[in-house]
Amino acid sequence: MTLSSTHSTSSSSPVFAIVVGEHSGDTLGAGLMKALKIHYPDAKFIGIGGAKMQRLGFESLFAMEELSVMGIVEVLGRIRRLLHVRKSLVNSFSKNQPDIFIGIDAPDFNIGLESRLKKHGIKTIHYVSPSVWAWREKRIFKIAEATDMVLSLLPFEKEFYDKHHVPCTFVGHPLADDIPMVSDKEQARIALELPIEPKILALMPGSRGGELSRLLKPFFQSAEQLQKEDDSLLLIAPMVSEKRANQFIALKNEIVPNLTIKIIIDKTQTVMAASDCLLTASGTVTLEAALIKRPMVICYKFNTLTYLLALWLVKLKWFSLPNLLANKSLVPELLQKEVCPENIVPLVKARLYQDQSQLNESFKNIHQQLKCNASEQAATAVINLFNTQVINK
């Protein structure tokens, strides 16, 4: 990695250090950069970012994929490398101090980084609250020590922070701003060159290699059974990259070589809009699906040890964002051993072939609740902190 000088020379050209760890964070980071550039066209952005941020001029000191690790056991396998990356960033930013540091999601990496940078006198913001309301609640005290402000995407998160007197601003969710209130299925199919009439099921096993390896076998087996019962059913799969598409194809050829699935790269939202139902991994994608107003069956499988630890630590009725936001069971969730064709097939059939208008109304309510011009709200919070710092200087 080549470290360049990051220290800002004027209040009109601030330096914002940002670290993101996955594709959803890259999207948030890009939205924030665009909003900040309106106020500070000459601002410099440096840290760890993905392709969307880099297209806006972001200088990434490490590949974003370095931080794309999920699960306790999986993190342990990469701990030395992760510690090296964090130490390098601390050294860089303590010597050439940015005006503000913004950690976007990736809490296990970023909260520790924020804590160290704050001790060097750098103002820190954590964008996307960790799930402290779900497990390891005492982390909120560590967050309070590490950050000057938390930017939350979900309204119930701010309530939790307010209860503990930790500075938090609810900004809404950028996805709710970007996704139209009505997503046209026919137009999406035309855009993807898909037929208009047949039912379409999207297989969405996640963006991480580990997710694909754990979820694709039951997904493929379920899809095969569903297609046997309805030979007009089309199967499509959005992939975030060529690398994931190649992994998908290799597993498909191994498990269900005769199954036909159309793979579409880097058009996930259009694929969701074109579909009648989604068989999906848990994560931000389930919120996208709710905002696009498509029924879904949500599945997740952890590494066994991670799952056992989660059983002990997590205190939630649901694990998916649509259900958490609605505070009721809007969409079915399958976890660990429940993720099997015997459970998946009937749930998908019900959503492919039955009326979903009541579900869509619930999704519309979620959309309206989260549509707050999030990137602009987040940028305003960053600017306010920056201006306070300039005045104090």
Protein backbone atom coordinates (compact mmCIF):
# COMPACT_ATOMS: atom_id res chain seq x y z
CA MET A 1 0.00 0.00 0.00
CA THR A 2 1.20 3.53 -0.80
CA LEU A 3 0.29 6.10 1.82
CA SER A 4 -0.11 9.69 0.70
CA SER A 5 -0.46 12.84 2.75
CA THR A 6 -4.07 13.22 3.90
CA HIS A 7 -3.94 16.33 6.08
CA SER A 8 -6.32 19.03 4.85
CA THR A 9 -5.06 22.54 4.29
CA SER A 10 -8.33 24.47 4.26
CA SER A 11 -11.92 24.30 5.47
CA SER A 12 -13.05 24.33 1.84
CA SER A 13 -11.07 21.18 0.96
CA PRO A 14 -11.50 18.78 3.89
CA VAL A 15 -10.14 15.26 3.98
CA PHE A 16 -12.68 12.55 4.79
CA ALA A 17 -11.31 9.12 5.67
CA ILE A 18 -13.83 6.35 5.06
CA VAL A 19 -13.60 2.58 5.55
CA VAL A 20 -16.20 0.17 4.14
CA GLY A 21 -16.12 -3.62 4.19
CA GLU A 22 -18.63 -4.86 1.62
CA HIS A 23 -20.80 -3.96 -1.38
CA SER A 24 -23.66 -2.45 0.62
CA GLY A 25 -21.14 -0.22 2.43
CA ASP A 26 -19.66 0.81 -0.92
CA THR A 27 -23.13 1.95 -2.02
CA LEU A 28 -23.60 3.96 1.18
CA GLY A 29 -20.12 5.43 0.86
CA ALA A 30 -20.72 6.50 -2.74
CA GLY A 31 -24.00 8.19 -1.78
CA LEU A 32 -22.31 10.03 1.07
CA MET A 33 -19.42 11.12 -1.15
CA LYS A 34 -21.81 12.56 -3.76
CA ALA A 35 -23.69 14.51 -1.07
CA LEU A 36 -20.46 15.84 0.50
CA LYS A 37 -19.03 16.82 -2.89
CA ILE A 38 -21.97 19.20 -3.40
CA HIS A 39 -20.69 21.23 -0.42
CA TYR A 40 -16.97 20.48 -0.85
CA PRO A 41 -16.11 19.88 -4.53
CA ASP A 42 -12.38 19.76 -3.66
CA ALA A 43 -12.72 17.35 -0.74
CA LYS A 44 -10.38 14.38 -0.62
CA PHE A 45 -11.61 10.88 0.23
CA ILE A 46 -9.23 8.15 1.35
CA GLY A 47 -9.29 4.82 3.22
CA ILE A 48 -10.87 1.56 2.06
CA GLY A 49 -13.64 1.70 -0.53
CA GLY A 50 -15.18 -0.32 -3.32
CA ALA A 51 -15.66 0.25 -7.04
CA LYS A 52 -18.54 2.74 -6.71
CA MET A 53 -16.54 4.96 -4.37
CA GLN A 54 -13.40 4.67 -6.46
CA ARG A 55 -15.30 5.82 -9.55
CA LEU A 56 -15.99 9.05 -7.63
CA GLY A 57 -12.28 9.59 -6.96
CA PHE A 58 -11.86 7.67 -3.72
CA GLU A 59 -8.29 6.55 -2.92
CA SER A 60 -8.46 3.01 -1.54
CA LEU A 61 -5.39 1.92 0.43
CA PHE A 62 -6.50 -1.73 0.58
CA ALA A 63 -8.99 -3.83 -1.39
CA MET A 64 -12.46 -3.70 0.17
CA GLU A 65 -12.64 -7.51 -0.05
CA GLU A 66 -9.98 -7.70 2.67
CA LEU A 67 -12.74 -6.89 5.17
CA SER A 68 -15.56 -8.96 3.62
CA VAL A 69 -15.59 -11.65 6.28
CA MET A 70 -18.75 -12.67 8.15
CA GLY A 71 -19.09 -14.97 11.15
CA ILE A 72 -17.01 -15.39 14.28
CA VAL A 73 -15.11 -18.45 13.10
CA GLU A 74 -14.47 -16.97 9.66
CA VAL A 75 -13.01 -13.79 11.19
CA LEU A 76 -10.66 -15.81 13.40
CA GLY A 77 -9.17 -17.40 10.29
CA ARG A 78 -8.25 -13.95 8.93
CA ILE A 79 -7.43 -12.18 12.18
CA ARG A 80 -3.69 -11.57 11.54
CA ARG A 81 -4.34 -9.94 8.18
CA LEU A 82 -7.23 -7.84 9.55
CA LEU A 83 -5.06 -6.62 12.44
CA HIS A 84 -2.30 -5.69 9.99
CA VAL A 85 -4.72 -3.67 7.86
CA ARG A 86 -6.12 -1.86 10.90
CA LYS A 87 -2.65 -1.08 12.28
CA SER A 88 -1.58 0.31 8.89
CA LEU A 89 -4.62 2.60 8.79
CA VAL A 90 -4.04 3.82 12.35
CA ASN A 91 -0.41 4.63 11.50
CA SER A 92 -1.38 6.41 8.30
CA PHE A 93 -4.24 8.49 9.72
CA SER A 94 -2.46 9.38 12.97
CA LYS A 95 0.49 10.79 11.00
CA ASN A 96 -1.59 12.54 8.32
CA GLN A 97 -4.82 13.29 10.12
CA PRO A 98 -8.08 13.48 8.17
CA ASP A 99 -10.69 16.01 9.29
CA ILE A 100 -13.29 13.30 9.94
CA PHE A 101 -13.13 9.52 9.97
CA ILE A 102 -16.30 7.66 8.92
CA GLY A 103 -16.52 3.92 9.45
CA ILE A 104 -19.34 2.49 7.37
CA ASP A 105 -20.74 -0.73 8.81
CA ALA A 106 -18.08 -3.51 9.34
CA PRO A 107 -18.39 -2.84 13.11
CA ASP A 108 -15.94 -5.46 14.39
CA PHE A 109 -13.24 -3.80 12.30
CA ASN A 110 -14.34 -0.18 12.34
CA ILE A 111 -15.29 0.34 15.99
CA GLY A 112 -11.78 -0.72 17.07
CA LEU A 113 -10.28 1.53 14.40
CA GLU A 114 -12.48 4.46 15.44
CA SER A 115 -11.47 4.00 19.08
CA ARG A 116 -7.78 4.22 18.20
CA LEU A 117 -8.22 7.21 15.90
CA LYS A 118 -10.32 9.11 18.44
CA LYS A 119 -7.46 8.76 20.94
CA HIS A 120 -5.30 10.56 18.35
CA GLY A 121 -7.75 13.47 18.36
CA ILE A 122 -9.58 12.55 15.15
CA LYS A 123 -13.37 13.07 15.06
CA THR A 124 -15.10 9.77 14.29
CA ILE A 125 -18.51 8.81 12.95
CA HIS A 126 -19.93 5.31 12.64
CA TYR A 127 -22.43 5.04 9.77
CA VAL A 128 -24.84 2.07 10.11
CA SER A 129 -25.42 1.04 13.67
CA PRO A 130 -24.13 -2.38 14.75
CA SER A 131 -26.93 -4.69 15.89
CA VAL A 132 -26.42 -3.80 19.56
CA TRP A 133 -30.19 -4.03 20.05
CA ALA A 134 -29.99 -7.70 19.01
CA TRP A 135 -26.94 -9.06 20.76
CA ARG A 136 -23.94 -7.98 22.86
CA GLU A 137 -25.85 -4.91 24.10
CA LYS A 138 -22.90 -3.77 26.20
CA ARG A 139 -21.08 -2.91 22.97
CA ILE A 140 -23.01 0.36 23.06
CA PHE A 141 -20.61 1.64 25.75
CA LYS A 142 -17.64 0.78 23.53
CA ILE A 143 -19.34 2.55 20.64
CA ALA A 144 -19.93 5.61 22.82
CA GLU A 145 -16.21 5.74 23.64
CA ALA A 146 -15.11 5.17 20.04
CA THR A 147 -17.37 7.58 18.17
CA ASP A 148 -18.56 11.18 18.23
CA MET A 149 -21.76 10.24 16.40
CA VAL A 150 -23.64 7.19 15.15
CA LEU A 151 -25.70 7.48 11.97
CA SER A 152 -28.52 4.94 12.03
CA LEU A 153 -30.52 3.70 9.05
CA LEU A 154 -33.43 2.30 11.05
CA PRO A 155 -35.75 4.22 13.40
CA PHE A 156 -35.79 1.67 16.23
CA GLU A 157 -31.99 1.94 16.44
CA LYS A 158 -32.10 5.63 17.40
CA GLU A 159 -34.60 4.83 20.15
CA PHE A 160 -32.07 2.36 21.58
CA TYR A 161 -29.21 4.89 21.49
CA ASP A 162 -31.37 7.64 23.00
CA LYS A 163 -32.25 5.31 25.85
CA HIS A 164 -28.51 4.94 26.60
CA HIS A 165 -27.74 8.67 26.00
CA VAL A 166 -25.36 7.98 23.10
CA PRO A 167 -25.34 10.58 20.25
CA CYS A 168 -27.22 9.13 17.28
CA THR A 169 -28.87 10.60 14.20
CA PHE A 170 -31.51 8.64 12.26
CA VAL A 171 -30.88 9.41 8.59
CA GLY A 172 -33.22 6.93 6.91
CA HIS A 173 -32.03 4.38 4.38
CA PRO A 174 -30.49 5.36 1.01
CA LEU A 175 -32.13 2.34 -0.61
CA ALA A 176 -35.55 3.80 0.22
CA ASP A 177 -34.53 6.99 -1.59
CA ASP A 178 -33.08 5.23 -4.63
CA ILE A 179 -35.76 2.60 -5.20
CA PRO A 180 -39.06 3.91 -6.68
CA MET A 181 -42.25 3.37 -4.71
CA VAL A 182 -43.50 1.15 -7.56
CA SER A 183 -41.08 -1.16 -9.41
CA ASP A 184 -42.44 -2.11 -12.82
CA LYS A 185 -42.11 -5.86 -13.40
CA GLU A 186 -42.72 -5.74 -17.16
CA GLN A 187 -40.18 -2.96 -17.74
CA ALA A 188 -37.59 -4.88 -15.71
CA ARG A 189 -38.15 -8.00 -17.81
CA ILE A 190 -37.82 -6.01 -21.02
CA ALA A 191 -34.57 -4.48 -19.73
CA LEU A 192 -33.18 -7.96 -18.98
CA GLU A 193 -34.56 -9.48 -22.20
CA LEU A 194 -36.77 -11.90 -20.26
CA PRO A 195 -40.21 -13.16 -21.38
CA ILE A 196 -43.18 -11.28 -19.95
CA GLU A 197 -45.62 -14.10 -19.19
CA PRO A 198 -43.95 -16.91 -17.16
CA LYS A 199 -43.46 -16.95 -13.42
CA ILE A 200 -39.87 -16.08 -12.47
CA LEU A 201 -38.03 -17.20 -9.33
CA ALA A 202 -34.77 -15.43 -8.44
CA LEU A 203 -32.12 -17.42 -6.57
CA MET A 204 -30.12 -15.02 -4.42
CA PRO A 205 -27.64 -16.91 -2.22
CA GLY A 206 -25.64 -13.85 -1.12
CA SER A 207 -22.51 -11.98 -2.19
CA ARG A 208 -19.92 -13.87 -0.11
CA GLY A 209 -18.24 -17.11 -1.12
CA GLY A 210 -19.15 -18.81 2.17
CA GLU A 211 -22.81 -17.96 1.74
CA LEU A 212 -22.90 -19.52 -1.72
CA SER A 213 -21.18 -22.68 -0.56
CA ARG A 214 -23.66 -23.18 2.29
CA LEU A 215 -26.92 -22.13 0.62
CA LEU A 216 -26.71 -23.17 -3.02
CA LYS A 217 -27.31 -26.91 -2.59
CA PRO A 218 -30.75 -26.50 -0.92
CA PHE A 219 -31.54 -23.61 -3.29
CA PHE A 220 -30.73 -25.71 -6.37
CA GLN A 221 -32.62 -28.75 -5.09
CA SER A 222 -35.68 -26.62 -4.32
CA ALA A 223 -35.54 -24.89 -7.71
CA GLU A 224 -35.27 -28.25 -9.49
CA GLN A 225 -38.36 -29.54 -7.68
CA LEU A 226 -40.34 -26.36 -8.37
CA GLN A 227 -39.47 -26.50 -12.07
CA LYS A 228 -40.56 -30.14 -12.28
CA GLU A 229 -43.97 -29.09 -10.98
CA ASP A 230 -44.15 -26.07 -13.32
CA ASP A 231 -41.99 -26.46 -16.41
CA SER A 232 -42.72 -22.86 -17.47
CA LEU A 233 -41.04 -21.49 -14.32
CA LEU A 234 -37.94 -19.45 -15.19
CA LEU A 235 -34.96 -19.33 -12.86
CA ILE A 236 -32.62 -16.35 -12.72
CA ALA A 237 -29.73 -15.47 -10.42
CA PRO A 238 -28.14 -12.05 -9.91
CA MET A 239 -24.44 -12.17 -9.07
CA VAL A 240 -22.35 -9.27 -7.77
CA SER A 241 -19.25 -10.22 -9.79
CA GLU A 242 -17.74 -12.60 -12.36
CA LYS A 243 -15.97 -14.37 -9.49
CA ARG A 244 -19.24 -15.17 -7.73
CA ALA A 245 -20.87 -16.13 -11.04
CA ASN A 246 -18.08 -18.65 -11.71
CA GLN A 247 -18.50 -20.12 -8.22
CA PHE A 248 -22.26 -20.33 -8.81
CA ILE A 249 -21.80 -22.11 -12.14
CA ALA A 250 -19.27 -24.58 -10.71
CA LEU A 251 -21.63 -25.55 -7.87
CA LYS A 252 -24.62 -25.78 -10.22
CA ASN A 253 -22.74 -28.12 -12.56
CA GLU A 254 -21.77 -30.27 -9.59
CA ILE A 255 -25.19 -30.42 -7.90
CA VAL A 256 -27.83 -29.96 -10.67
CA PRO A 257 -26.03 -30.09 -14.04
CA ASN A 258 -29.26 -30.19 -16.06
CA LEU A 259 -30.94 -27.22 -14.37
CA THR A 260 -31.17 -24.09 -16.54
CA ILE A 261 -30.57 -20.80 -14.73
CA LYS A 262 -29.92 -17.43 -16.33
CA ILE A 263 -27.12 -15.60 -14.50
CA ILE A 264 -27.16 -11.79 -14.56
CA ILE A 265 -24.20 -9.83 -13.21
CA ASP A 266 -24.39 -6.49 -11.37
CA LYS A 267 -28.14 -5.87 -11.91
CA THR A 268 -29.56 -7.19 -8.66
CA GLN A 269 -32.38 -4.69 -8.22
CA THR A 270 -33.57 -5.11 -11.81
CA VAL A 271 -33.55 -8.89 -11.34
CA MET A 272 -35.65 -8.53 -8.18
CA ALA A 273 -38.11 -6.24 -9.95
CA ALA A 274 -38.44 -8.75 -12.81
CA SER A 275 -39.18 -11.64 -10.44
CA ASP A 276 -42.37 -12.98 -8.89
CA CYS A 277 -40.60 -14.38 -5.82
CA LEU A 278 -37.11 -14.34 -4.34
CA LEU A 279 -35.33 -17.21 -2.62
CA THR A 280 -32.69 -15.21 -0.83
CA ALA A 281 -29.99 -15.13 1.81
CA SER A 282 -30.51 -12.80 4.74
CA GLY A 283 -28.94 -9.34 4.72
CA THR A 284 -29.50 -5.91 3.20
CA VAL A 285 -30.87 -7.56 0.07
CA THR A 286 -34.05 -8.47 2.00
CA LEU A 287 -34.68 -4.77 2.61
CA GLU A 288 -34.13 -4.10 -1.11
CA ALA A 289 -36.68 -6.81 -1.86
CA ALA A 290 -39.22 -5.23 0.51
CA LEU A 291 -38.70 -1.81 -1.07
CA ILE A 292 -39.09 -3.32 -4.55
CA LYS A 293 -42.27 -4.98 -3.16
CA ARG A 294 -41.50 -8.59 -4.02
CA PRO A 295 -42.38 -11.60 -1.83
CA MET A 296 -39.45 -13.61 -0.57
CA VAL A 297 -38.35 -16.65 1.38
CA ILE A 298 -35.30 -15.81 3.49
CA CYS A 299 -32.70 -18.42 4.39
CA TYR A 300 -29.43 -18.39 6.26
CA LYS A 301 -26.85 -20.97 7.27
CA PHE A 302 -23.88 -20.15 9.48
CA ASN A 303 -20.71 -22.07 10.12
CA THR A 304 -21.79 -24.53 12.87
CA LEU A 305 -19.74 -22.96 15.65
CA THR A 306 -20.87 -19.45 14.70
CA TYR A 307 -24.48 -20.66 14.81
CA LEU A 308 -24.08 -22.19 18.27
CA LEU A 309 -22.55 -18.95 19.56
CA ALA A 310 -25.36 -16.94 17.95
CA LEU A 311 -28.00 -19.11 19.65
CA TRP A 312 -26.42 -18.22 22.96
CA LEU A 313 -25.93 -14.50 22.28
CA VAL A 314 -28.77 -13.30 20.03
CA LYS A 315 -32.10 -12.26 21.52
CA LEU A 316 -34.44 -11.67 18.58
CA LYS A 317 -37.76 -13.04 17.37
CA TRP A 318 -36.65 -12.49 13.75
CA PHE A 319 -33.37 -12.04 11.89
CA SER A 320 -34.55 -10.34 8.67
CA LEU A 321 -34.97 -6.59 8.24
CA PRO A 322 -38.54 -6.66 6.84
CA ASN A 323 -39.79 -8.52 9.91
CA LEU A 324 -37.75 -6.40 12.33
CA LEU A 325 -39.04 -3.17 10.80
CA ALA A 326 -42.65 -4.35 10.78
CA ASN A 327 -42.24 -5.90 14.24
CA LYS A 328 -44.17 -8.93 12.98
CA SER A 329 -43.67 -11.91 10.71
CA LEU A 330 -44.19 -10.50 7.21
CA VAL A 331 -41.92 -12.93 5.37
CA PRO A 332 -40.84 -16.50 6.17
CA GLU A 333 -37.39 -17.10 7.66
CA LEU A 334 -35.51 -20.39 7.59
CA LEU A 335 -32.35 -20.86 9.62
CA GLN A 336 -29.65 -23.54 9.62
CA LYS A 337 -31.23 -27.06 9.42
CA GLU A 338 -34.58 -25.52 8.42
CA VAL A 339 -32.97 -24.56 5.08
CA CYS A 340 -34.03 -27.62 3.07
CA PRO A 341 -36.29 -28.29 0.05
CA GLU A 342 -39.03 -29.74 2.26
CA ASN A 343 -39.46 -26.31 3.86
CA ILE A 344 -38.44 -24.06 0.98
CA VAL A 345 -40.65 -25.46 -1.79
CA PRO A 346 -44.10 -24.96 -0.19
CA LEU A 347 -43.16 -21.48 1.02
CA VAL A 348 -41.97 -20.41 -2.45
CA LYS A 349 -45.06 -21.92 -4.15
CA ALA A 350 -47.38 -19.96 -1.88
CA ARG A 351 -45.64 -16.74 -2.85
CA LEU A 352 -45.38 -17.51 -6.55
CA TYR A 353 -49.01 -18.42 -7.06
CA GLN A 354 -51.05 -16.59 -4.37
CA ASP A 355 -52.14 -12.95 -4.07
CA GLN A 356 -49.54 -10.75 -2.35
CA SER A 357 -51.38 -7.40 -2.26
CA GLN A 358 -51.60 -7.28 1.55
CA LEU A 359 -47.85 -7.96 1.82
CA ASN A 360 -47.17 -5.18 -0.69
CA GLU A 361 -49.10 -2.71 1.45
CA SER A 362 -46.89 -3.59 4.43
CA PHE A 363 -43.80 -3.14 2.27
CA LYS A 364 -45.11 0.28 1.16
CA ASN A 365 -45.40 1.37 4.81
CA ILE A 366 -41.77 0.35 5.42
CA HIS A 367 -40.69 2.27 2.32
CA GLN A 368 -42.40 5.48 3.45
CA GLN A 369 -40.89 5.18 6.92
CA LEU A 370 -37.31 4.90 5.59
CA LYS A 371 -37.47 7.44 2.73
CA CYS A 372 -35.68 10.45 4.31
CA ASN A 373 -32.97 11.56 1.80
CA ALA A 374 -30.46 9.50 3.78
CA SER A 375 -27.24 10.47 1.98
CA GLU A 376 -28.05 14.16 2.37
CA GLN A 377 -29.00 13.68 6.04
CA ALA A 378 -25.77 11.75 6.67
CA ALA A 379 -23.72 14.43 4.87
CA THR A 380 -25.37 17.14 7.00
CA ALA A 381 -24.37 15.30 10.18
CA VAL A 382 -20.79 14.95 8.91
CA ILE A 383 -20.65 18.63 7.91
CA ASN A 384 -21.99 19.76 11.30
CA LEU A 385 -19.26 17.80 13.07
CA PHE A 386 -16.63 19.16 10.67
CA ASN A 387 -17.81 22.76 11.16
CA THR A 388 -17.68 22.34 14.95
CA GLN A 389 -14.10 21.20 14.59
CA VAL A 390 -13.18 24.17 12.34
CA ILE A 391 -14.72 26.64 14.84
CA ASN A 392 -12.86 25.01 17.74
CA LYS A 393 -9.58 25.32 15.85
